[in-house]
Amino acid sequence: MGERLEVLLRIPLSLVYGIILGVWGLVVSIAVVFHWFYALILGRRHEGIAKFTNKYLSYAYEVRTYLDLVVNKRPWPIGEEEVKELRPTDIPKR
């Protein structure tokens, strides 16, 4: 695919990525509030929620770098690979 056509293709793809990030962001917002109460009551973080929010932030970073023309590798679901964590959160084991 030509470079100019690839850049033009990013405009409609931004709508797809915006919908995915919007819905996922809403779920993450609810999870963060729940996670705050969980940490407040039990005094520790929930590993699953922490990884879930970290995966969202990693995906948002991948989408942002693609849409800002920093990289040419398309993020999931258009690209080949699924979402991977770029910077895993350190969660101490108790």
C-alpha atoms as a PDB file:
ATOM      1  CA  MET A   1       0.000   0.000   0.000  1.00  0.00           C
ATOM      2  CA  GLY A   2       1.317   3.463  -0.820  1.00  0.00           C
ATOM      3  CA  GLU A   3       2.401   5.800   1.940  1.00  0.00           C
ATOM      4  CA  ARG A   4      -0.201   8.459   1.137  1.00  0.00           C
ATOM      5  CA  LEU A   5      -2.991   5.923   1.009  1.00  0.00           C
ATOM      6  CA  GLU A   6      -1.826   4.491   4.325  1.00  0.00           C
ATOM      7  CA  VAL A   7      -2.001   7.948   5.919  1.00  0.00           C
ATOM      8  CA  LEU A   8      -5.507   8.508   4.519  1.00  0.00           C
ATOM      9  CA  LEU A   9      -6.584   5.121   5.848  1.00  0.00           C
ATOM     10  CA  ARG A  10      -5.707   6.235   9.381  1.00  0.00           C
ATOM     11  CA  ILE A  11      -8.608   8.712   9.373  1.00  0.00           C
ATOM     12  CA  PRO A  12     -11.410   6.101   9.292  1.00  0.00           C
ATOM     13  CA  LEU A  13      -9.333   3.774  11.466  1.00  0.00           C
ATOM     14  CA  SER A  14      -9.204   6.500  14.105  1.00  0.00           C
ATOM     15  CA  LEU A  15     -12.984   6.159  14.450  1.00  0.00           C
ATOM     16  CA  VAL A  16     -12.687   2.407  15.042  1.00  0.00           C
ATOM     17  CA  TYR A  17      -9.894   2.886  17.568  1.00  0.00           C
ATOM     18  CA  GLY A  18     -11.821   5.728  19.219  1.00  0.00           C
ATOM     19  CA  ILE A  19     -14.855   3.512  19.771  1.00  0.00           C
ATOM     20  CA  ILE A  20     -12.735   0.686  21.169  1.00  0.00           C
ATOM     21  CA  LEU A  21     -10.825   3.022  23.498  1.00  0.00           C
ATOM     22  CA  GLY A  22     -14.018   4.800  24.564  1.00  0.00           C
ATOM     23  CA  VAL A  23     -15.838   1.636  25.601  1.00  0.00           C
ATOM     24  CA  TRP A  24     -12.740   0.105  27.173  1.00  0.00           C
ATOM     25  CA  GLY A  25     -12.013   3.400  28.956  1.00  0.00           C
ATOM     26  CA  LEU A  26     -15.481   3.425  30.479  1.00  0.00           C
ATOM     27  CA  VAL A  27     -14.968  -0.088  31.851  1.00  0.00           C
ATOM     28  CA  VAL A  28     -11.512   0.882  33.146  1.00  0.00           C
ATOM     29  CA  SER A  29     -12.976   3.950  34.898  1.00  0.00           C
ATOM     30  CA  ILE A  30     -15.425   1.748  36.778  1.00  0.00           C
ATOM     31  CA  ALA A  31     -12.666  -0.761  37.562  1.00  0.00           C
ATOM     32  CA  VAL A  32     -10.405   1.994  38.926  1.00  0.00           C
ATOM     33  CA  VAL A  33     -13.106   3.165  41.355  1.00  0.00           C
ATOM     34  CA  PHE A  34     -13.704  -0.423  42.473  1.00  0.00           C
ATOM     35  CA  HIS A  35      -9.943  -0.953  42.757  1.00  0.00           C
ATOM     36  CA  TRP A  36      -9.592   2.144  44.941  1.00  0.00           C
ATOM     37  CA  PHE A  37     -12.187   0.824  47.401  1.00  0.00           C
ATOM     38  CA  TYR A  38     -10.574  -2.623  47.281  1.00  0.00           C
ATOM     39  CA  ALA A  39      -7.188  -1.141  48.171  1.00  0.00           C
ATOM     40  CA  LEU A  40      -8.715   1.098  50.823  1.00  0.00           C
ATOM     41  CA  ILE A  41     -10.502  -1.752  52.595  1.00  0.00           C
ATOM     42  CA  LEU A  42      -7.991  -4.600  52.187  1.00  0.00           C
ATOM     43  CA  GLY A  43      -4.779  -2.560  52.127  1.00  0.00           C
ATOM     44  CA  ARG A  44      -3.422  -4.172  48.941  1.00  0.00           C
ATOM     45  CA  ARG A  45      -3.949  -3.967  45.213  1.00  0.00           C
ATOM     46  CA  HIS A  46      -5.843  -6.488  43.128  1.00  0.00           C
ATOM     47  CA  GLU A  47      -3.417  -7.942  40.589  1.00  0.00           C
ATOM     48  CA  GLY A  48      -6.048  -8.642  37.913  1.00  0.00           C
ATOM     49  CA  ILE A  49      -7.489  -5.123  37.920  1.00  0.00           C
ATOM     50  CA  ALA A  50      -4.000  -3.592  37.910  1.00  0.00           C
ATOM     51  CA  LYS A  51      -3.011  -5.669  34.857  1.00  0.00           C
ATOM     52  CA  PHE A  52      -6.308  -4.874  33.126  1.00  0.00           C
ATOM     53  CA  THR A  53      -5.828  -1.119  33.494  1.00  0.00           C
ATOM     54  CA  ASN A  54      -2.169  -1.417  32.489  1.00  0.00           C
ATOM     55  CA  LYS A  55      -3.181  -3.290  29.336  1.00  0.00           C
ATOM     56  CA  TYR A  56      -5.634  -0.494  28.506  1.00  0.00           C
ATOM     57  CA  LEU A  57      -2.925   2.138  28.927  1.00  0.00           C
ATOM     58  CA  SER A  58      -0.510   0.099  26.805  1.00  0.00           C
ATOM     59  CA  TYR A  59      -3.120  -0.216  24.057  1.00  0.00           C
ATOM     60  CA  ALA A  60      -3.917   3.501  24.201  1.00  0.00           C
ATOM     61  CA  TYR A  61      -0.185   4.181  23.807  1.00  0.00           C
ATOM     62  CA  GLU A  62       0.022   1.876  20.763  1.00  0.00           C
ATOM     63  CA  VAL A  63      -2.993   3.543  19.137  1.00  0.00           C
ATOM     64  CA  ARG A  64      -1.673   7.023  19.847  1.00  0.00           C
ATOM     65  CA  THR A  65       1.738   6.279  18.326  1.00  0.00           C
ATOM     66  CA  TYR A  66       0.053   4.794  15.239  1.00  0.00           C
ATOM     67  CA  LEU A  67      -2.358   7.694  14.733  1.00  0.00           C
ATOM     68  CA  ASP A  68       0.379  10.294  15.336  1.00  0.00           C
ATOM     69  CA  LEU A  69       2.437   8.736  12.498  1.00  0.00           C
ATOM     70  CA  VAL A  70       5.220   7.583  14.817  1.00  0.00           C
ATOM     71  CA  VAL A  71       4.973   3.898  13.833  1.00  0.00           C
ATOM     72  CA  ASN A  72       3.449   2.094  10.859  1.00  0.00           C
ATOM     73  CA  LYS A  73       2.444  -1.106  12.665  1.00  0.00           C
ATOM     74  CA  ARG A  74      -1.317  -1.164  13.048  1.00  0.00           C
ATOM     75  CA  PRO A  75      -2.660  -1.939  16.533  1.00  0.00           C
ATOM     76  CA  TRP A  76      -5.220  -4.634  17.275  1.00  0.00           C
ATOM     77  CA  PRO A  77      -7.931  -5.400  15.902  1.00  0.00           C
ATOM     78  CA  ILE A  78      -6.724  -4.322  12.431  1.00  0.00           C
ATOM     79  CA  GLY A  79      -3.126  -5.438  13.020  1.00  0.00           C
ATOM     80  CA  GLU A  80      -1.997  -9.020  13.439  1.00  0.00           C
ATOM     81  CA  GLU A  81      -1.041  -9.057  17.114  1.00  0.00           C
ATOM     82  CA  GLU A  82      -3.246  -8.809  20.154  1.00  0.00           C
ATOM     83  CA  VAL A  83      -2.738  -6.190  22.829  1.00  0.00           C
ATOM     84  CA  LYS A  84       0.426  -6.703  24.875  1.00  0.00           C
ATOM     85  CA  GLU A  85       1.597  -4.939  27.988  1.00  0.00           C
ATOM     86  CA  LEU A  86       4.435  -2.558  27.249  1.00  0.00           C
ATOM     87  CA  ARG A  87       5.300  -1.707  30.835  1.00  0.00           C
ATOM     88  CA  PRO A  88       3.975  -4.273  33.292  1.00  0.00           C
ATOM     89  CA  THR A  89       3.007  -3.002  36.698  1.00  0.00           C
ATOM     90  CA  ASP A  90       5.096  -4.235  39.616  1.00  0.00           C
ATOM     91  CA  ILE A  91       2.758  -5.861  42.075  1.00  0.00           C
ATOM     92  CA  PRO A  92       4.452  -7.078  45.259  1.00  0.00           C
ATOM     93  CA  LYS A  93       3.378 -10.539  46.393  1.00  0.00           C
ATOM     94  CA  ARG A  94       2.238 -10.911  49.991  1.00  0.00           C
END
